[in-house]
Amino acid sequence: MSTATDLIDPTLVLLTVEEAARRLGIGRTLCFRLIRTGQLESVPVGRLRRVPADAVQDYVTRLRMANRPVASNS
């Protein structure tokens, strides 16, 4: 039995908003909000909107950096 995550081609350079949302484990609406606010990079391809595959990882990296615990200087 295949799941939705099995259907994502890891070799794709540009993702649909739905594919990017699936990789992030969020909904399509939230993914569009992240794009609209500039938190997640996207590019126009004709009339379509695509998310560069590496932009998904960049977004996750920024989230991780922003949520790192502050080191104590004891």
C-alpha atoms as a PDB file:
ATOM      1  CA  MET A   1       0.000   0.000   0.000  1.00  0.00           C
ATOM      2  CA  SER A   2       1.495   3.383  -0.974  1.00  0.00           C
ATOM      3  CA  THR A   3       0.969   6.544   1.022  1.00  0.00           C
ATOM      4  CA  ALA A   4       0.863  10.148  -0.139  1.00  0.00           C
ATOM      5  CA  THR A   5       4.496  10.637   0.858  1.00  0.00           C
ATOM      6  CA  ASP A   6       5.518   7.713  -1.369  1.00  0.00           C
ATOM      7  CA  LEU A   7       4.150   9.632  -4.357  1.00  0.00           C
ATOM      8  CA  ILE A   8       6.497  12.625  -3.980  1.00  0.00           C
ATOM      9  CA  ASP A   9       9.357  12.450  -6.462  1.00  0.00           C
ATOM     10  CA  PRO A  10      12.534  13.456  -4.562  1.00  0.00           C
ATOM     11  CA  THR A  11      14.210  14.481  -7.828  1.00  0.00           C
ATOM     12  CA  LEU A  12      11.779  17.325  -8.574  1.00  0.00           C
ATOM     13  CA  VAL A  13      13.377  20.766  -8.604  1.00  0.00           C
ATOM     14  CA  LEU A  14      10.108  22.697  -8.427  1.00  0.00           C
ATOM     15  CA  LEU A  15       7.144  21.588  -6.343  1.00  0.00           C
ATOM     16  CA  THR A  16       3.493  22.482  -6.528  1.00  0.00           C
ATOM     17  CA  VAL A  17       2.188  24.266  -3.451  1.00  0.00           C
ATOM     18  CA  GLU A  18       0.407  21.050  -2.499  1.00  0.00           C
ATOM     19  CA  GLU A  19       3.631  19.014  -2.771  1.00  0.00           C
ATOM     20  CA  ALA A  20       5.525  21.584  -0.684  1.00  0.00           C
ATOM     21  CA  ALA A  21       2.754  21.529   1.925  1.00  0.00           C
ATOM     22  CA  ARG A  22       2.850  17.738   2.020  1.00  0.00           C
ATOM     23  CA  ARG A  23       6.632  17.746   2.550  1.00  0.00           C
ATOM     24  CA  LEU A  24       6.192  20.213   5.412  1.00  0.00           C
ATOM     25  CA  GLY A  25       3.263  18.311   6.877  1.00  0.00           C
ATOM     26  CA  ILE A  26       1.001  21.378   6.737  1.00  0.00           C
ATOM     27  CA  GLY A  27      -2.155  22.280   4.899  1.00  0.00           C
ATOM     28  CA  ARG A  28      -2.368  23.943   1.516  1.00  0.00           C
ATOM     29  CA  THR A  29      -3.869  27.137   2.968  1.00  0.00           C
ATOM     30  CA  LEU A  30      -1.035  27.570   5.472  1.00  0.00           C
ATOM     31  CA  CYS A  31       1.503  26.909   2.725  1.00  0.00           C
ATOM     32  CA  PHE A  32      -0.042  29.677   0.590  1.00  0.00           C
ATOM     33  CA  ARG A  33       0.080  31.979   3.640  1.00  0.00           C
ATOM     34  CA  LEU A  34       3.803  31.238   4.120  1.00  0.00           C
ATOM     35  CA  ILE A  35       4.375  32.064   0.446  1.00  0.00           C
ATOM     36  CA  ARG A  36       2.318  35.265   0.621  1.00  0.00           C
ATOM     37  CA  THR A  37       4.236  36.500   3.703  1.00  0.00           C
ATOM     38  CA  GLY A  38       7.598  35.668   2.133  1.00  0.00           C
ATOM     39  CA  GLN A  39       8.498  32.987   4.663  1.00  0.00           C
ATOM     40  CA  LEU A  40       8.547  30.306   1.967  1.00  0.00           C
ATOM     41  CA  GLU A  41      10.106  31.143  -1.391  1.00  0.00           C
ATOM     42  CA  SER A  42       8.117  30.562  -4.553  1.00  0.00           C
ATOM     43  CA  VAL A  43       8.516  31.406  -8.215  1.00  0.00           C
ATOM     44  CA  PRO A  44       6.037  32.008 -11.012  1.00  0.00           C
ATOM     45  CA  VAL A  45       6.130  29.606 -13.941  1.00  0.00           C
ATOM     46  CA  GLY A  46       3.752  31.088 -16.456  1.00  0.00           C
ATOM     47  CA  ARG A  47       0.440  31.293 -14.622  1.00  0.00           C
ATOM     48  CA  LEU A  48       1.542  28.684 -12.078  1.00  0.00           C
ATOM     49  CA  ARG A  49       3.190  29.123  -8.679  1.00  0.00           C
ATOM     50  CA  ARG A  50       5.984  26.703  -7.784  1.00  0.00           C
ATOM     51  CA  VAL A  51       8.150  26.237  -4.688  1.00  0.00           C
ATOM     52  CA  PRO A  52      11.821  25.386  -5.273  1.00  0.00           C
ATOM     53  CA  ALA A  53      12.524  22.080  -3.517  1.00  0.00           C
ATOM     54  CA  ASP A  54      15.495  23.554  -1.647  1.00  0.00           C
ATOM     55  CA  ALA A  55      13.283  26.415  -0.376  1.00  0.00           C
ATOM     56  CA  VAL A  56      11.387  23.870   1.728  1.00  0.00           C
ATOM     57  CA  GLN A  57      14.608  22.806   3.456  1.00  0.00           C
ATOM     58  CA  ASP A  58      15.707  26.449   3.824  1.00  0.00           C
ATOM     59  CA  TYR A  59      12.415  27.251   5.574  1.00  0.00           C
ATOM     60  CA  VAL A  60      12.844  24.320   7.968  1.00  0.00           C
ATOM     61  CA  THR A  61      16.442  25.376   8.698  1.00  0.00           C
ATOM     62  CA  ARG A  62      15.281  28.917   9.545  1.00  0.00           C
ATOM     63  CA  LEU A  63      12.582  27.522  11.840  1.00  0.00           C
ATOM     64  CA  ARG A  64      15.137  25.358  13.626  1.00  0.00           C
ATOM     65  CA  MET A  65      17.558  28.270  14.057  1.00  0.00           C
ATOM     66  CA  ALA A  66      14.820  30.545  15.395  1.00  0.00           C
ATOM     67  CA  ASN A  67      13.709  27.944  17.930  1.00  0.00           C
ATOM     68  CA  ARG A  68      17.105  26.899  19.270  1.00  0.00           C
ATOM     69  CA  PRO A  69      17.394  27.076  23.035  1.00  0.00           C
ATOM     70  CA  VAL A  70      19.576  29.925  24.233  1.00  0.00           C
ATOM     71  CA  ALA A  71      22.856  28.696  25.721  1.00  0.00           C
ATOM     72  CA  SER A  72      23.351  29.614  29.355  1.00  0.00           C
ATOM     73  CA  ASN A  73      26.649  31.278  30.373  1.00  0.00           C
ATOM     74  CA  SER A  74      26.881  29.818  33.871  1.00  0.00           C
END
